[in-house]
Amino acid sequence: MRIIFDGREVEIPEKKIRVKELLKKLGADELYFLVIDLEKGKLLTNDKVVKEGDKIEVRSTLSWG
């Protein structure tokens, strides 16, 4: 599964995974990152499952500017 994480494309070996587990694999604290379904334009909660073929972006909620 390919996702966009912090502006770069990342490969995850799973075919489907819960958002909470995805964030854990990426080392991204769920308090500081949003998971977005780019096709539907919706934020995904930790209990949702993403699967191969979904267009997913994991974006930081923190601004370093």
PDB file of N, CA and C in Angstrom:
ATOM      1  N   MET A   1       0.852  -1.171   0.000  1.00  0.00           N
ATOM      2  CA  MET A   1       0.000   0.000   0.000  1.00  0.00           C
ATOM      3  C   MET A   1       0.895   1.230   0.000  1.00  0.00           C
ATOM      4  N   ARG A   2       0.570   2.180  -0.823  1.00  0.00           N
ATOM      5  CA  ARG A   2       1.325   3.437  -0.872  1.00  0.00           C
ATOM      6  C   ARG A   2       0.481   4.552  -0.267  1.00  0.00           C
ATOM      7  N   ILE A   3       1.134   5.345   0.574  1.00  0.00           N
ATOM      8  CA  ILE A   3       0.467   6.494   1.172  1.00  0.00           C
ATOM      9  C   ILE A   3       1.401   7.694   1.075  1.00  0.00           C
ATOM     10  N   ILE A   4       0.853   8.863   1.266  1.00  0.00           N
ATOM     11  CA  ILE A   4       1.665  10.078   1.346  1.00  0.00           C
ATOM     12  C   ILE A   4       1.800  10.407   2.827  1.00  0.00           C
ATOM     13  N   PHE A   5       3.045  10.463   3.293  1.00  0.00           N
ATOM     14  CA  PHE A   5       3.331  10.740   4.695  1.00  0.00           C
ATOM     15  C   PHE A   5       4.315  11.892   4.775  1.00  0.00           C
ATOM     16  N   ASP A   6       3.853  12.994   5.339  1.00  0.00           N
ATOM     17  CA  ASP A   6       4.708  14.174   5.501  1.00  0.00           C
ATOM     18  C   ASP A   6       5.318  14.632   4.177  1.00  0.00           C
ATOM     19  N   GLY A   7       4.510  14.579   3.105  1.00  0.00           N
ATOM     20  CA  GLY A   7       4.928  15.093   1.815  1.00  0.00           C
ATOM     21  C   GLY A   7       5.693  14.126   0.931  1.00  0.00           C
ATOM     22  N   ARG A   8       5.938  12.911   1.392  1.00  0.00           N
ATOM     23  CA  ARG A   8       6.652  11.933   0.558  1.00  0.00           C
ATOM     24  C   ARG A   8       5.853  10.638   0.483  1.00  0.00           C
ATOM     25  N   GLU A   9       6.055   9.898  -0.590  1.00  0.00           N
ATOM     26  CA  GLU A   9       5.344   8.636  -0.764  1.00  0.00           C
ATOM     27  C   GLU A   9       6.060   7.535   0.014  1.00  0.00           C
ATOM     28  N   VAL A  10       5.279   6.761   0.760  1.00  0.00           N
ATOM     29  CA  VAL A  10       5.814   5.695   1.603  1.00  0.00           C
ATOM     30  C   VAL A  10       5.095   4.400   1.265  1.00  0.00           C
ATOM     31  N   GLU A  11       5.833   3.299   1.224  1.00  0.00           N
ATOM     32  CA  GLU A  11       5.266   1.976   0.950  1.00  0.00           C
ATOM     33  C   GLU A  11       5.055   1.235   2.269  1.00  0.00           C
ATOM     34  N   ILE A  12       3.845   0.715   2.466  1.00  0.00           N
ATOM     35  CA  ILE A  12       3.500  -0.092   3.635  1.00  0.00           C
ATOM     36  C   ILE A  12       3.151  -1.490   3.109  1.00  0.00           C
ATOM     37  N   PRO A  13       3.693  -2.572   3.688  1.00  0.00           N
ATOM     38  CA  PRO A  13       3.475  -3.909   3.129  1.00  0.00           C
ATOM     39  C   PRO A  13       2.053  -4.458   3.275  1.00  0.00           C
ATOM     40  N   GLU A  14       1.243  -3.921   4.171  1.00  0.00           N
ATOM     41  CA  GLU A  14      -0.103  -4.445   4.396  1.00  0.00           C
ATOM     42  C   GLU A  14      -1.046  -4.126   3.238  1.00  0.00           C
ATOM     43  N   LYS A  15      -2.018  -5.015   3.012  1.00  0.00           N
ATOM     44  CA  LYS A  15      -3.062  -4.789   2.007  1.00  0.00           C
ATOM     45  C   LYS A  15      -4.211  -3.973   2.592  1.00  0.00           C
ATOM     46  N   LYS A  16      -4.425  -4.117   3.919  1.00  0.00           N
ATOM     47  CA  LYS A  16      -5.392  -3.281   4.621  1.00  0.00           C
ATOM     48  C   LYS A  16      -4.933  -3.158   6.072  1.00  0.00           C
ATOM     49  N   ILE A  17      -5.273  -2.004   6.680  1.00  0.00           N
ATOM     50  CA  ILE A  17      -4.801  -1.723   8.034  1.00  0.00           C
ATOM     51  C   ILE A  17      -5.688  -0.654   8.664  1.00  0.00           C
ATOM     52  N   ARG A  18      -5.903  -0.758   9.964  1.00  0.00           N
ATOM     53  CA  ARG A  18      -6.650   0.281  10.682  1.00  0.00           C
ATOM     54  C   ARG A  18      -5.785   1.532  10.781  1.00  0.00           C
ATOM     55  N   VAL A  19      -6.429   2.682  10.766  1.00  0.00           N
ATOM     56  CA  VAL A  19      -5.728   3.955  10.835  1.00  0.00           C
ATOM     57  C   VAL A  19      -4.818   4.022  12.060  1.00  0.00           C
ATOM     58  N   LYS A  20      -5.295   3.557  13.199  1.00  0.00           N
ATOM     59  CA  LYS A  20      -4.487   3.593  14.423  1.00  0.00           C
ATOM     60  C   LYS A  20      -3.196   2.795  14.251  1.00  0.00           C
ATOM     61  N   GLU A  21      -3.281   1.615  13.626  1.00  0.00           N
ATOM     62  CA  GLU A  21      -2.101   0.782  13.406  1.00  0.00           C
ATOM     63  C   GLU A  21      -1.176   1.393  12.349  1.00  0.00           C
ATOM     64  N   LEU A  22      -1.747   2.023  11.354  1.00  0.00           N
ATOM     65  CA  LEU A  22      -0.956   2.707  10.335  1.00  0.00           C
ATOM     66  C   LEU A  22      -0.099   3.789  10.976  1.00  0.00           C
ATOM     67  N   LEU A  23      -0.708   4.598  11.816  1.00  0.00           N
ATOM     68  CA  LEU A  23       0.035   5.658  12.488  1.00  0.00           C
ATOM     69  C   LEU A  23       1.147   5.091  13.365  1.00  0.00           C
ATOM     70  N   LYS A  24       0.858   3.994  14.045  1.00  0.00           N
ATOM     71  CA  LYS A  24       1.864   3.356  14.892  1.00  0.00           C
ATOM     72  C   LYS A  24       3.047   2.874  14.041  1.00  0.00           C
ATOM     73  N   LYS A  25       2.762   2.255  12.896  1.00  0.00           N
ATOM     74  CA  LYS A  25       3.823   1.775  11.995  1.00  0.00           C
ATOM     75  C   LYS A  25       4.705   2.917  11.497  1.00  0.00           C
ATOM     76  N   LEU A  26       4.079   4.060  11.275  1.00  0.00           N
ATOM     77  CA  LEU A  26       4.810   5.221  10.771  1.00  0.00           C
ATOM     78  C   LEU A  26       5.550   5.967  11.892  1.00  0.00           C
ATOM     79  N   GLY A  27       5.268   5.608  13.150  1.00  0.00           N
ATOM     80  CA  GLY A  27       5.864   6.323  14.275  1.00  0.00           C
ATOM     81  C   GLY A  27       5.255   7.702  14.449  1.00  0.00           C
ATOM     82  N   ALA A  28       3.997   7.831  14.035  1.00  0.00           N
ATOM     83  CA  ALA A  28       3.288   9.108  14.070  1.00  0.00           C
ATOM     84  C   ALA A  28       2.256   9.085  15.195  1.00  0.00           C
ATOM     85  N   ASP A  29       2.400   9.980  16.149  1.00  0.00           N
ATOM     86  CA  ASP A  29       1.474  10.073  17.275  1.00  0.00           C
ATOM     87  C   ASP A  29       0.107  10.540  16.777  1.00  0.00           C
ATOM     88  N   GLU A  30      -0.937   9.808  17.141  1.00  0.00           N
ATOM     89  CA  GLU A  30      -2.289  10.127  16.656  1.00  0.00           C
ATOM     90  C   GLU A  30      -2.770  11.504  17.113  1.00  0.00           C
ATOM     91  N   LEU A  31      -2.142  12.083  18.113  1.00  0.00           N
ATOM     92  CA  LEU A  31      -2.514  13.432  18.562  1.00  0.00           C
ATOM     93  C   LEU A  31      -1.997  14.512  17.614  1.00  0.00           C
ATOM     94  N   TYR A  32      -0.978  14.200  16.830  1.00  0.00           N
ATOM     95  CA  TYR A  32      -0.315  15.206  16.018  1.00  0.00           C
ATOM     96  C   TYR A  32      -0.401  14.978  14.519  1.00  0.00           C
ATOM     97  N   PHE A  33      -1.136  13.940  14.097  1.00  0.00           N
ATOM     98  CA  PHE A  33      -1.260  13.658  12.669  1.00  0.00           C
ATOM     99  C   PHE A  33      -2.715  13.391  12.296  1.00  0.00           C
ATOM    100  N   LEU A  34      -3.093  13.844  11.105  1.00  0.00           N
ATOM    101  CA  LEU A  34      -4.412  13.586  10.537  1.00  0.00           C
ATOM    102  C   LEU A  34      -4.257  12.589   9.401  1.00  0.00           C
ATOM    103  N   VAL A  35      -5.243  11.725   9.238  1.00  0.00           N
ATOM    104  CA  VAL A  35      -5.258  10.791   8.120  1.00  0.00           C
ATOM    105  C   VAL A  35      -6.433  11.184   7.228  1.00  0.00           C
ATOM    106  N   ILE A  36      -6.125  11.450   5.972  1.00  0.00           N
ATOM    107  CA  ILE A  36      -7.109  12.002   5.046  1.00  0.00           C
ATOM    108  C   ILE A  36      -7.321  11.048   3.882  1.00  0.00           C
ATOM    109  N   ASP A  37      -8.590  10.771   3.581  1.00  0.00           N
ATOM    110  CA  ASP A  37      -8.955  10.031   2.369  1.00  0.00           C
ATOM    111  C   ASP A  37      -9.048  11.081   1.264  1.00  0.00           C
ATOM    112  N   LEU A  38      -8.077  11.100   0.368  1.00  0.00           N
ATOM    113  CA  LEU A  38      -8.008  12.142  -0.651  1.00  0.00           C
ATOM    114  C   LEU A  38      -9.123  12.047  -1.683  1.00  0.00           C
ATOM    115  N   GLU A  39      -9.633  10.851  -1.956  1.00  0.00           N
ATOM    116  CA  GLU A  39     -10.714  10.697  -2.935  1.00  0.00           C
ATOM    117  C   GLU A  39     -12.031  11.246  -2.408  1.00  0.00           C
ATOM    118  N   LYS A  40     -12.298  11.009  -1.127  1.00  0.00           N
ATOM    119  CA  LYS A  40     -13.561  11.457  -0.533  1.00  0.00           C
ATOM    120  C   LYS A  40     -13.436  12.815   0.140  1.00  0.00           C
ATOM    121  N   GLY A  41     -12.195  13.269   0.356  1.00  0.00           N
ATOM    122  CA  GLY A  41     -11.982  14.556   1.009  1.00  0.00           C
ATOM    123  C   GLY A  41     -12.415  14.541   2.460  1.00  0.00           C
ATOM    124  N   LYS A  42     -12.222  13.399   3.144  1.00  0.00           N
ATOM    125  CA  LYS A  42     -12.667  13.258   4.529  1.00  0.00           C
ATOM    126  C   LYS A  42     -11.520  12.847   5.441  1.00  0.00           C
ATOM    127  N   LEU A  43     -11.605  13.301   6.689  1.00  0.00           N
ATOM    128  CA  LEU A  43     -10.684  12.836   7.716  1.00  0.00           C
ATOM    129  C   LEU A  43     -11.117  11.452   8.164  1.00  0.00           C
ATOM    130  N   LEU A  44     -10.157  10.586   8.441  1.00  0.00           N
ATOM    131  CA  LEU A  44     -10.457   9.230   8.888  1.00  0.00           C
ATOM    132  C   LEU A  44     -10.157   9.099  10.373  1.00  0.00           C
ATOM    133  N   THR A  45     -11.064   8.467  11.100  1.00  0.00           N
ATOM    134  CA  THR A  45     -10.861   8.222  12.521  1.00  0.00           C
ATOM    135  C   THR A  45     -10.019   6.967  12.712  1.00  0.00           C
ATOM    136  N   ASN A  46      -9.505   6.795  13.920  1.00  0.00           N
ATOM    137  CA  ASN A  46      -8.579   5.698  14.221  1.00  0.00           C
ATOM    138  C   ASN A  46      -9.158   4.305  13.993  1.00  0.00           C
ATOM    139  N   ASP A  47     -10.485   4.164  14.037  1.00  0.00           N
ATOM    140  CA  ASP A  47     -11.098   2.844  13.884  1.00  0.00           C
ATOM    141  C   ASP A  47     -11.342   2.452  12.420  1.00  0.00           C
ATOM    142  N   LYS A  48     -11.179   3.399  11.491  1.00  0.00           N
ATOM    143  CA  LYS A  48     -11.411   3.108  10.068  1.00  0.00           C
ATOM    144  C   LYS A  48     -10.298   2.241   9.502  1.00  0.00           C
ATOM    145  N   VAL A  49     -10.645   1.466   8.495  1.00  0.00           N
ATOM    146  CA  VAL A  49      -9.675   0.597   7.812  1.00  0.00           C
ATOM    147  C   VAL A  49      -9.380   1.196   6.444  1.00  0.00           C
ATOM    148  N   VAL A  50      -8.089   1.299   6.122  1.00  0.00           N
ATOM    149  CA  VAL A  50      -7.684   1.717   4.782  1.00  0.00           C
ATOM    150  C   VAL A  50      -7.123   0.489   4.076  1.00  0.00           C
ATOM    151  N   LYS A  51      -7.291   0.466   2.762  1.00  0.00           N
ATOM    152  CA  LYS A  51      -6.864  -0.718   2.013  1.00  0.00           C
ATOM    153  C   LYS A  51      -6.106  -0.319   0.760  1.00  0.00           C
ATOM    154  N   GLU A  52      -5.465  -1.320   0.178  1.00  0.00           N
ATOM    155  CA  GLU A  52      -4.712  -1.135  -1.068  1.00  0.00           C
ATOM    156  C   GLU A  52      -5.596  -0.428  -2.087  1.00  0.00           C
ATOM    157  N   GLY A  53      -5.066   0.597  -2.720  1.00  0.00           N
ATOM    158  CA  GLY A  53      -5.823   1.335  -3.729  1.00  0.00           C
ATOM    159  C   GLY A  53      -6.437   2.625  -3.212  1.00  0.00           C
ATOM    160  N   ASP A  54      -6.622   2.745  -1.895  1.00  0.00           N
ATOM    161  CA  ASP A  54      -7.128   4.001  -1.327  1.00  0.00           C
ATOM    162  C   ASP A  54      -6.048   5.070  -1.458  1.00  0.00           C
ATOM    163  N   LYS A  55      -6.466   6.292  -1.700  1.00  0.00           N
ATOM    164  CA  LYS A  55      -5.512   7.401  -1.767  1.00  0.00           C
ATOM    165  C   LYS A  55      -5.531   8.097  -0.408  1.00  0.00           C
ATOM    166  N   ILE A  56      -4.468   7.854   0.363  1.00  0.00           N
ATOM    167  CA  ILE A  56      -4.407   8.287   1.749  1.00  0.00           C
ATOM    168  C   ILE A  56      -3.226   9.227   1.957  1.00  0.00           C
ATOM    169  N   GLU A  57      -3.459  10.290   2.718  1.00  0.00           N
ATOM    170  CA  GLU A  57      -2.383  11.183   3.117  1.00  0.00           C
ATOM    171  C   GLU A  57      -2.372  11.297   4.629  1.00  0.00           C
ATOM    172  N   VAL A  58      -1.186  11.211   5.208  1.00  0.00           N
ATOM    173  CA  VAL A  58      -0.995  11.416   6.644  1.00  0.00           C
ATOM    174  C   VAL A  58      -0.266  12.739   6.775  1.00  0.00           C
ATOM    175  N   ARG A  59      -0.937  13.693   7.446  1.00  0.00           N
ATOM    176  CA  ARG A  59      -0.425  15.061   7.502  1.00  0.00           C
ATOM    177  C   ARG A  59      -0.285  15.519   8.949  1.00  0.00           C
ATOM    178  N   SER A  60       0.796  16.204   9.242  1.00  0.00           N
ATOM    179  CA  SER A  60       1.040  16.726  10.581  1.00  0.00           C
ATOM    180  C   SER A  60       0.075  17.868  10.903  1.00  0.00           C
ATOM    181  N   THR A  61      -0.341  17.949  12.155  1.00  0.00           N
ATOM    182  CA  THR A  61      -1.192  19.055  12.586  1.00  0.00           C
ATOM    183  C   THR A  61      -0.356  20.205  13.134  1.00  0.00           C
ATOM    184  N   LEU A  62       0.949  19.996  13.258  1.00  0.00           N
ATOM    185  CA  LEU A  62       1.843  21.012  13.802  1.00  0.00           C
ATOM    186  C   LEU A  62       2.425  21.872  12.697  1.00  0.00           C
ATOM    187  N   SER A  63       2.570  23.131  12.993  1.00  0.00           N
ATOM    188  CA  SER A  63       3.192  24.057  12.059  1.00  0.00           C
ATOM    189  C   SER A  63       4.536  24.491  12.617  1.00  0.00           C
ATOM    190  N   TRP A  64       5.553  24.404  11.796  1.00  0.00           N
ATOM    191  CA  TRP A  64       6.894  24.748  12.251  1.00  0.00           C
ATOM    192  C   TRP A  64       7.301  26.151  11.813  1.00  0.00           C
ATOM    193  N   GLY A  65       6.342  26.922  11.272  1.00  0.00           N
ATOM    194  CA  GLY A  65       6.647  28.220  10.700  1.00  0.00           C
ATOM    195  C   GLY A  65       6.827  29.284  11.693  1.00  0.00           C
TER     196      GLY A  65
END
